[in-house]
Protein backbone atom coordinates (compact mmCIF):
# COMPACT_ATOMS: atom_id res chain seq x y z
CA MET A 1 0.00 0.00 0.00
CA ARG A 2 1.16 3.55 -0.77
CA ASN A 3 0.24 6.39 1.58
CA TYR A 4 -0.48 9.96 0.50
CA ARG A 5 -1.22 13.01 2.61
CA PHE A 6 -4.83 13.96 2.07
CA LYS A 7 -7.06 16.89 2.93
CA GLN A 8 -10.69 17.65 2.27
CA VAL A 9 -11.12 21.40 2.21
CA ASP A 10 -14.38 23.36 2.29
CA VAL A 11 -13.99 26.34 -0.04
CA PHE A 12 -15.63 29.77 -0.17
CA THR A 13 -16.62 29.57 3.48
CA GLN A 14 -15.19 29.99 6.97
CA VAL A 15 -17.77 27.60 8.43
CA PRO A 16 -17.28 23.85 7.84
CA PHE A 17 -19.89 22.18 5.61
CA ARG A 18 -21.26 25.46 4.23
CA GLY A 19 -19.03 25.81 1.15
CA ASN A 20 -17.90 23.46 -1.63
CA PRO A 21 -15.56 20.60 -0.69
CA VAL A 22 -12.54 19.58 -2.71
CA ALA A 23 -10.38 16.53 -2.05
CA VAL A 24 -6.65 17.30 -2.24
CA VAL A 25 -4.03 14.55 -2.57
CA LEU A 26 -0.61 15.96 -1.71
CA GLU A 27 2.72 14.79 -3.15
CA ALA A 28 0.87 12.65 -5.71
CA ALA A 29 3.58 12.26 -8.36
CA GLU A 30 3.61 8.43 -8.14
CA LEU A 31 -0.05 8.11 -9.08
CA SER A 32 -0.91 7.26 -12.68
CA ASP A 33 -3.53 9.07 -14.72
CA ALA A 34 -5.87 6.09 -14.33
CA GLU A 35 -5.36 6.02 -10.55
CA MET A 36 -6.08 9.73 -10.28
CA GLN A 37 -9.32 9.30 -12.22
CA GLN A 38 -10.28 6.29 -10.11
CA ILE A 39 -9.69 8.21 -6.87
CA ALA A 40 -11.72 11.17 -8.16
CA ALA A 41 -14.61 8.83 -9.00
CA TRP A 42 -14.33 7.27 -5.54
CA THR A 43 -14.35 10.54 -3.58
CA ASN A 44 -17.47 11.42 -5.62
CA LEU A 45 -16.91 15.14 -5.09
CA SER A 46 -17.29 17.63 -7.92
CA GLU A 47 -13.47 17.79 -8.09
CA THR A 48 -10.44 16.03 -6.63
CA THR A 49 -6.98 17.52 -7.10
CA PHE A 50 -3.48 16.07 -7.12
CA VAL A 51 -0.47 18.18 -6.15
CA LEU A 52 2.72 17.50 -8.11
CA PRO A 53 6.14 19.14 -8.51
CA PRO A 54 6.07 21.99 -11.04
CA THR A 55 7.33 21.39 -14.57
CA ASP A 56 9.66 24.41 -14.11
CA PRO A 57 10.34 25.40 -10.48
CA GLY A 58 11.39 28.83 -11.72
CA LYS A 59 7.89 29.51 -12.99
CA ALA A 60 5.57 27.79 -10.51
CA ASP A 61 5.51 26.58 -6.90
CA TYR A 62 3.52 23.42 -7.63
CA ARG A 63 1.53 21.74 -10.38
CA LEU A 64 -2.12 20.84 -9.97
CA ARG A 65 -4.16 18.25 -11.82
CA ILE A 66 -7.92 18.54 -11.43
CA PHE A 67 -10.41 15.70 -11.96
CA THR A 68 -14.18 15.43 -11.83
CA PRO A 69 -15.61 11.95 -11.23
CA LYS A 70 -15.58 11.51 -15.02
CA GLN A 71 -12.70 13.51 -16.55
CA GLU A 72 -9.74 15.83 -16.08
CA LEU A 73 -10.25 19.61 -16.26
CA PRO A 74 -7.64 22.19 -17.34
CA PHE A 75 -8.84 24.62 -14.66
CA ALA A 76 -11.49 24.90 -11.96
CA GLY A 77 -12.16 27.61 -9.41
CA HIS A 78 -12.85 26.13 -6.00
CA PRO A 79 -10.18 23.40 -6.46
CA THR A 80 -7.64 26.15 -7.12
CA ILE A 81 -8.51 28.00 -3.90
CA GLY A 82 -8.85 24.82 -1.82
CA SER A 83 -5.60 23.32 -3.08
CA ALA A 84 -3.73 26.56 -2.36
CA HIS A 85 -5.11 26.43 1.19
CA ALA A 86 -3.95 22.79 1.50
CA VAL A 87 -0.39 23.31 0.26
CA ILE A 88 0.05 26.32 2.56
CA GLU A 89 -1.43 24.57 5.60
CA SER A 90 0.63 21.40 5.01
CA GLY A 91 3.87 23.37 4.66
CA LEU A 92 4.42 21.86 1.22
CA VAL A 93 4.90 25.34 -0.25
CA GLN A 94 6.24 28.48 1.40
CA LEU A 95 4.60 31.80 0.62
CA GLN A 96 6.80 34.37 -1.06
CA SER A 97 5.54 37.85 -0.09
CA GLY A 98 2.02 36.46 0.19
CA GLU A 99 2.04 34.99 -3.32
CA LEU A 100 1.90 31.55 -4.96
CA ARG A 101 2.14 30.43 -8.57
CA GLN A 102 0.06 27.39 -9.48
CA GLU A 103 0.70 25.47 -12.68
CA CYS A 104 -2.25 23.68 -14.25
CA ALA A 105 -3.26 22.67 -17.77
CA ALA A 106 -4.68 26.17 -18.33
CA GLY A 107 -1.32 27.79 -17.55
CA ILE A 108 0.29 29.54 -14.58
CA ILE A 109 -2.29 30.89 -12.11
CA PRO A 110 -1.03 33.73 -9.85
CA ILE A 111 -2.46 33.44 -6.33
CA THR A 112 -2.42 36.05 -3.57
CA VAL A 113 -2.95 35.31 0.12
CA GLN A 114 -4.18 38.21 2.23
CA SER A 115 -4.52 38.32 6.01
CA THR A 116 -7.84 39.83 7.10
CA PRO A 117 -9.59 40.12 10.49
CA PHE A 118 -11.46 36.93 9.47
CA GLY A 119 -8.44 34.84 8.47
CA GLN A 120 -6.54 34.14 5.26
CA GLN A 121 -8.34 35.15 2.10
CA ILE A 122 -7.03 33.43 -1.03
CA LEU A 123 -7.47 35.20 -4.37
CA ALA A 124 -6.53 33.75 -7.75
CA GLN A 125 -6.20 35.32 -11.17
CA ALA A 126 -8.46 33.51 -13.62
CA PRO A 127 -7.23 32.39 -17.04
CA PRO A 128 -8.23 34.65 -19.94
CA ALA A 129 -11.85 34.14 -20.97
CA ALA A 130 -13.11 33.38 -24.47
CA VAL A 131 -16.75 34.44 -24.83
CA THR A 132 -18.76 33.35 -27.86
CA PRO A 133 -22.44 33.18 -28.82
CA LEU A 134 -24.24 29.84 -28.88
CA ASP A 135 -25.17 28.42 -32.27
CA ASP A 136 -28.83 28.58 -33.27
CA ASP A 137 -29.63 24.94 -32.48
CA ALA A 138 -28.15 25.09 -28.98
CA LEU A 139 -29.75 28.46 -28.31
CA GLU A 140 -33.17 27.15 -29.33
CA LEU A 141 -32.88 24.17 -26.99
CA LEU A 142 -31.50 26.25 -24.13
CA THR A 143 -34.42 28.65 -24.49
CA GLU A 144 -36.66 25.70 -23.55
CA ILE A 145 -34.81 25.49 -20.21
CA LEU A 146 -34.46 29.19 -19.43
CA GLU A 147 -37.39 31.31 -18.37
CA GLY A 148 -37.16 35.07 -18.44
CA ALA A 149 -33.46 35.43 -19.27
CA VAL A 150 -32.58 39.13 -19.50
CA ARG A 151 -30.19 38.62 -22.45
CA PRO A 152 -29.25 35.72 -24.73
CA PRO A 153 -26.96 33.26 -22.93
CA LEU A 154 -23.32 33.05 -23.98
CA ARG A 155 -20.66 30.34 -23.99
CA VAL A 156 -17.72 31.28 -21.76
CA ASP A 157 -14.44 29.35 -21.76
CA VAL A 158 -12.15 29.99 -18.76
CA GLY A 159 -10.50 26.55 -18.91
CA ALA A 160 -13.80 25.15 -17.70
CA VAL A 161 -16.59 26.05 -20.15
CA TRP A 162 -19.96 27.37 -18.97
CA MET A 163 -23.08 28.55 -20.68
CA VAL A 164 -24.03 31.72 -18.76
CA ALA A 165 -27.47 33.29 -18.47
CA ASP A 166 -28.67 36.42 -16.64
CA LEU A 167 -32.03 35.72 -14.97
CA GLY A 168 -32.33 39.27 -13.64
CA ASP A 169 -32.79 38.84 -9.88
CA ALA A 170 -32.13 36.42 -7.02
CA GLN A 171 -35.75 35.29 -6.81
CA ALA A 172 -35.65 34.04 -10.40
CA VAL A 173 -32.33 32.32 -9.69
CA ALA A 174 -33.79 30.59 -6.62
CA ARG A 175 -36.89 29.39 -8.52
CA PHE A 176 -34.94 28.07 -11.50
CA GLN A 177 -35.24 24.29 -12.05
CA PRO A 178 -33.60 23.16 -15.31
CA ASN A 179 -34.47 20.08 -17.33
CA LEU A 180 -31.27 18.19 -16.51
CA PRO A 181 -31.40 15.55 -19.30
CA LEU A 182 -31.93 18.29 -21.89
CA LEU A 183 -29.17 20.37 -20.29
CA SER A 184 -26.81 17.39 -20.58
CA GLN A 185 -27.66 17.15 -24.28
CA ILE A 186 -27.01 20.86 -24.86
CA SER A 187 -23.78 20.76 -22.84
CA GLU A 188 -22.50 17.93 -25.01
CA MET A 189 -23.50 19.82 -28.18
CA VAL A 190 -21.48 22.92 -27.26
CA GLN A 191 -18.76 21.08 -25.29
CA ALA A 192 -19.59 22.88 -22.06
CA THR A 193 -19.32 21.82 -18.44
CA GLY A 194 -22.86 23.04 -17.85
CA LEU A 195 -25.02 26.10 -17.19
CA THR A 196 -24.49 28.94 -14.72
CA VAL A 197 -27.29 31.41 -14.01
CA PHE A 198 -27.13 34.61 -11.98
CA GLY A 199 -29.19 37.57 -10.81
CA ARG A 200 -29.04 40.64 -8.64
CA ALA A 201 -29.08 39.90 -4.89
CA GLU A 202 -31.54 41.52 -2.51
CA ASP A 203 -30.18 40.14 0.76
CA GLY A 204 -28.09 43.09 1.97
CA LEU A 205 -25.02 40.81 2.15
CA SER A 206 -24.01 40.35 -1.48
CA GLN A 207 -24.48 41.91 -4.87
CA MET A 208 -25.25 38.70 -6.79
CA GLN A 209 -26.64 35.20 -6.37
CA VAL A 210 -25.48 32.37 -8.62
CA ARG A 211 -26.33 28.73 -9.37
CA SER A 212 -24.39 26.22 -11.51
CA PHE A 213 -25.61 22.94 -13.04
CA ALA A 214 -23.36 20.31 -14.62
CA PRO A 215 -25.34 17.08 -15.13
CA LEU A 216 -23.10 15.99 -18.01
CA GLN A 217 -20.27 15.79 -15.45
CA GLY A 218 -22.42 13.86 -12.96
CA ILE A 219 -23.09 17.01 -10.90
CA ALA A 220 -26.76 17.99 -10.81
CA GLU A 221 -25.96 21.27 -9.02
CA ASP A 222 -22.51 22.50 -8.05
CA PRO A 223 -22.82 23.97 -4.54
CA VAL A 224 -20.36 26.87 -4.98
CA CYS A 225 -18.56 27.17 -8.31
CA GLY A 226 -15.45 29.29 -8.80
CA SER A 227 -15.16 28.87 -12.57
CA GLY A 228 -18.90 29.50 -12.93
CA ASN A 229 -18.56 32.79 -11.08
CA VAL A 230 -15.51 33.75 -13.15
CA SER A 231 -17.58 33.01 -16.26
CA VAL A 232 -20.31 35.32 -14.98
CA ALA A 233 -17.73 38.10 -14.56
CA ALA A 234 -16.49 37.48 -18.12
CA TYR A 235 -20.10 37.64 -19.31
CA LEU A 236 -20.55 41.01 -17.59
CA ILE A 237 -17.43 42.32 -19.32
CA GLN A 238 -18.65 41.05 -22.69
CA VAL A 239 -22.13 42.63 -22.47
CA GLY A 240 -20.89 45.87 -20.86
CA SER A 241 -22.66 45.38 -17.52
CA VAL A 242 -19.78 45.47 -15.03
CA GLU A 243 -21.03 48.74 -13.58
CA ASP A 244 -24.36 47.08 -12.70
CA TYR A 245 -22.58 45.09 -9.98
CA GLY A 246 -19.35 47.04 -9.56
CA ALA A 247 -15.79 46.10 -10.44
CA GLU A 248 -15.53 44.41 -7.02
CA TYR A 249 -18.50 42.47 -5.73
CA LEU A 250 -19.50 39.52 -3.52
CA ALA A 251 -21.54 36.63 -4.90
CA ARG A 252 -23.44 34.03 -2.88
CA GLN A 253 -24.16 30.50 -4.03
CA GLY A 254 -25.45 27.19 -2.71
CA MET A 255 -28.45 28.13 -0.57
CA GLN A 256 -30.75 25.83 -2.56
CA VAL A 257 -28.56 22.83 -1.64
CA GLY A 258 -27.96 23.69 2.02
CA ARG A 259 -24.75 25.70 1.56
CA ASP A 260 -23.89 29.41 1.69
CA GLY A 261 -20.71 30.09 -0.25
CA ARG A 262 -19.26 33.59 -0.55
CA ILE A 263 -17.10 34.40 -3.59
CA GLN A 264 -15.17 37.64 -3.98
CA ILE A 265 -14.86 38.88 -7.58
CA ARG A 266 -12.56 41.69 -8.76
CA ILE A 267 -12.54 42.95 -12.35
CA GLN A 268 -9.77 45.11 -13.80
CA GLY A 269 -10.22 45.63 -17.52
CA GLU A 270 -10.27 42.13 -19.01
CA GLN A 271 -8.62 40.56 -15.95
CA ILE A 272 -10.73 38.70 -13.39
CA GLU A 273 -9.65 37.78 -9.88
CA PHE A 274 -11.73 35.47 -7.69
CA GLY A 275 -11.44 33.90 -4.28
CA GLY A 276 -12.51 33.66 -0.68
CA TYR A 277 -11.83 31.73 2.48
CA ALA A 278 -11.33 27.99 3.03
CA VAL A 279 -11.34 25.60 5.98
CA THR A 280 -9.98 22.05 6.30
CA CYS A 281 -12.61 19.52 7.34
CA VAL A 282 -10.63 16.26 6.87
CA ASP A 283 -6.89 15.84 7.40
CA GLY A 284 -5.32 12.43 7.10
CA THR A 285 -3.87 9.72 4.84
CA LEU A 286 -5.10 8.26 1.58
CA ARG A 287 -4.04 4.65 0.94
CA ALA A 288 -3.71 3.29 -2.58
CA GLU A 289 -2.46 -0.03 -3.91
């Protein structure tokens, strides 16, 4: 049996079991691709990550591979934040002036760690976004799912790919119940992870509420989705609506599935930064043959 240090980190929360968990396998270089995929299917979380030495130590502090239960992703939001928390907490990586550089398939992700009165807030720079319209067939089918979208949905690629739709307000977001089999079909057509919807918050705590659905990946609803929120920010840039929420805003997600994640978004020109807090809920050893 081989032993690996293992953490399960709850992301975008300071309260255990209120955010989105990610499984993090540390010092995982001996694991094969097939073993990584098998472990990710076994944990049955939306993502499991594996921390490896960087390809070039001069450019990155560590390399991250990110798996859903079904496939590897080039980038994902809450795994990035949760894995950064894990490598810092484990002592695997030492902070340099409050900064980390994470290598993943989407490139080098700069990460900043800030001390606040509430703890360590971890902020990551998202990969550049590619925003494109949906083709007519996909748009027609997606219209069957969406009710009252403010603008036509767009396809947003930030390493993970989301279809993004503005439902106007938080009440519409909370009521939304997509046809998951049809959404899987559309997601496969446009090669997207799934659908993220958003609307203006009215809770006095945040500026936006968000929900993300990825049935094609085996995830009916993602509790708190970093890449989905980054895709929303890219959508706002594309349609010229950043000022509606502000260049720096807080989004909430997960209330419909018993969570309450808080995601900080910062927009500077075309650059998007996202992040929040994280807390370790499981700390131990993973055993593999």
